[in-house]
Amino acid sequence: MPQRLHLVFGGELKDPAKNTFENVDDIHIVGMFPDYASAHAAWQAEAQRTVDDAHTRYFIAHIHRLRDEEQEASPTEELGD
């Protein structure tokens, strides 16, 4: 079974109605998680911690979706050659 990596990150948004960060250098990387359940628990903890700040938002990125295991190389890997 392939590993399903998830990245939890967040920070202050320019506008709470959009997903554009105020300062990319200040993004808080919570961590990388081996499954959705543990990523969701980490996301929930950070979201709850910052619930009173409308401009702070946390996200779960499905890192495993960036790579297609059925292909020899993903388009991202091909860029590095």
C-alpha atoms as a PDB file:
ATOM      1  CA  MET A   1       0.000   0.000   0.000  1.00  0.00           C
ATOM      2  CA  PRO A   2       1.468   3.395  -0.958  1.00  0.00           C
ATOM      3  CA  GLN A   3       2.158   5.965   1.709  1.00  0.00           C
ATOM      4  CA  ARG A   4      -0.315   8.875   1.762  1.00  0.00           C
ATOM      5  CA  LEU A   5       1.613  11.925   2.972  1.00  0.00           C
ATOM      6  CA  HIS A   6      -0.213  15.044   4.166  1.00  0.00           C
ATOM      7  CA  LEU A   7       1.278  18.451   4.981  1.00  0.00           C
ATOM      8  CA  VAL A   8      -0.404  20.717   7.538  1.00  0.00           C
ATOM      9  CA  PHE A   9       0.437  24.413   7.290  1.00  0.00           C
ATOM     10  CA  GLY A  10      -1.114  27.805   7.844  1.00  0.00           C
ATOM     11  CA  GLY A  11      -0.680  31.438   8.595  1.00  0.00           C
ATOM     12  CA  GLU A  12      -2.113  34.907   8.293  1.00  0.00           C
ATOM     13  CA  LEU A  13      -4.168  35.609   5.178  1.00  0.00           C
ATOM     14  CA  LYS A  14      -4.402  38.971   3.391  1.00  0.00           C
ATOM     15  CA  ASP A  15      -8.177  38.616   3.231  1.00  0.00           C
ATOM     16  CA  PRO A  16     -10.143  35.983   5.196  1.00  0.00           C
ATOM     17  CA  ALA A  17     -12.352  35.405   2.143  1.00  0.00           C
ATOM     18  CA  LYS A  18      -9.358  34.306   0.033  1.00  0.00           C
ATOM     19  CA  ASN A  19      -6.438  31.875   0.358  1.00  0.00           C
ATOM     20  CA  THR A  20      -3.541  34.308  -0.169  1.00  0.00           C
ATOM     21  CA  PHE A  21      -0.999  34.538   2.632  1.00  0.00           C
ATOM     22  CA  GLU A  22       0.046  37.932   4.002  1.00  0.00           C
ATOM     23  CA  ASN A  23       3.717  36.892   4.125  1.00  0.00           C
ATOM     24  CA  VAL A  24       4.873  33.548   2.711  1.00  0.00           C
ATOM     25  CA  ASP A  25       8.017  33.685   4.863  1.00  0.00           C
ATOM     26  CA  ASP A  26       5.813  33.525   7.968  1.00  0.00           C
ATOM     27  CA  ILE A  27       3.876  30.376   7.013  1.00  0.00           C
ATOM     28  CA  HIS A  28       3.709  27.991   9.968  1.00  0.00           C
ATOM     29  CA  ILE A  29       4.612  24.451   8.906  1.00  0.00           C
ATOM     30  CA  VAL A  30       2.921  22.186  11.434  1.00  0.00           C
ATOM     31  CA  GLY A  31       4.341  19.012   9.930  1.00  0.00           C
ATOM     32  CA  MET A  32       4.116  16.080   7.544  1.00  0.00           C
ATOM     33  CA  PHE A  33       1.797  13.219   8.485  1.00  0.00           C
ATOM     34  CA  PRO A  34       1.564   9.636   7.189  1.00  0.00           C
ATOM     35  CA  ASP A  35      -2.240   9.527   7.022  1.00  0.00           C
ATOM     36  CA  TYR A  36      -5.236  11.828   6.819  1.00  0.00           C
ATOM     37  CA  ALA A  37      -6.464  11.074  10.353  1.00  0.00           C
ATOM     38  CA  SER A  38      -3.267  12.287  12.030  1.00  0.00           C
ATOM     39  CA  ALA A  39      -3.065  15.296   9.662  1.00  0.00           C
ATOM     40  CA  HIS A  40      -6.659  16.192  10.475  1.00  0.00           C
ATOM     41  CA  ALA A  41      -5.967  15.979  14.214  1.00  0.00           C
ATOM     42  CA  ALA A  42      -2.981  18.334  13.836  1.00  0.00           C
ATOM     43  CA  TRP A  43      -4.997  20.708  11.620  1.00  0.00           C
ATOM     44  CA  GLN A  44      -7.866  20.718  14.117  1.00  0.00           C
ATOM     45  CA  ALA A  45      -5.533  21.535  17.021  1.00  0.00           C
ATOM     46  CA  GLU A  46      -4.004  24.499  15.166  1.00  0.00           C
ATOM     47  CA  ALA A  47      -7.374  25.730  13.875  1.00  0.00           C
ATOM     48  CA  GLN A  48      -8.812  25.577  17.389  1.00  0.00           C
ATOM     49  CA  ARG A  49      -5.784  27.377  18.819  1.00  0.00           C
ATOM     50  CA  THR A  50      -6.269  30.268  16.368  1.00  0.00           C
ATOM     51  CA  VAL A  51     -10.084  30.266  16.268  1.00  0.00           C
ATOM     52  CA  ASP A  52     -10.323  33.885  17.471  1.00  0.00           C
ATOM     53  CA  ASP A  53      -8.125  35.218  14.645  1.00  0.00           C
ATOM     54  CA  ALA A  54     -10.236  35.463  11.469  1.00  0.00           C
ATOM     55  CA  HIS A  55      -7.142  36.109   9.333  1.00  0.00           C
ATOM     56  CA  THR A  56      -5.311  32.936  10.379  1.00  0.00           C
ATOM     57  CA  ARG A  57      -6.139  29.777   8.482  1.00  0.00           C
ATOM     58  CA  TYR A  58      -4.669  26.258   8.379  1.00  0.00           C
ATOM     59  CA  PHE A  59      -4.758  23.790   5.492  1.00  0.00           C
ATOM     60  CA  ILE A  60      -4.089  20.124   4.750  1.00  0.00           C
ATOM     61  CA  ALA A  61      -2.183  19.494   1.506  1.00  0.00           C
ATOM     62  CA  HIS A  62      -2.424  15.999   0.060  1.00  0.00           C
ATOM     63  CA  ILE A  63       1.241  15.607  -0.895  1.00  0.00           C
ATOM     64  CA  HIS A  64       0.699  12.093  -2.238  1.00  0.00           C
ATOM     65  CA  ARG A  65      -1.507  13.550  -4.991  1.00  0.00           C
ATOM     66  CA  LEU A  66       1.493  15.370  -6.457  1.00  0.00           C
ATOM     67  CA  ARG A  67       2.964  12.086  -7.623  1.00  0.00           C
ATOM     68  CA  ASP A  68       1.332   9.472  -9.826  1.00  0.00           C
ATOM     69  CA  GLU A  69       2.840   6.143  -8.780  1.00  0.00           C
ATOM     70  CA  GLU A  70       1.751   4.558 -12.083  1.00  0.00           C
ATOM     71  CA  GLN A  71       4.031   6.837 -14.129  1.00  0.00           C
ATOM     72  CA  GLU A  72       7.798   6.472 -14.399  1.00  0.00           C
ATOM     73  CA  ALA A  73       8.328  10.159 -13.498  1.00  0.00           C
ATOM     74  CA  SER A  74       5.898  12.846 -12.470  1.00  0.00           C
ATOM     75  CA  PRO A  75       5.833  16.173 -14.337  1.00  0.00           C
ATOM     76  CA  THR A  76       7.458  17.774 -11.265  1.00  0.00           C
ATOM     77  CA  GLU A  77      10.367  15.315 -11.344  1.00  0.00           C
ATOM     78  CA  GLU A  78      10.876  15.888 -15.071  1.00  0.00           C
ATOM     79  CA  LEU A  79      11.424  19.610 -14.429  1.00  0.00           C
ATOM     80  CA  GLY A  80      14.521  18.796 -12.370  1.00  0.00           C
ATOM     81  CA  ASP A  81      16.378  17.008 -15.194  1.00  0.00           C
END
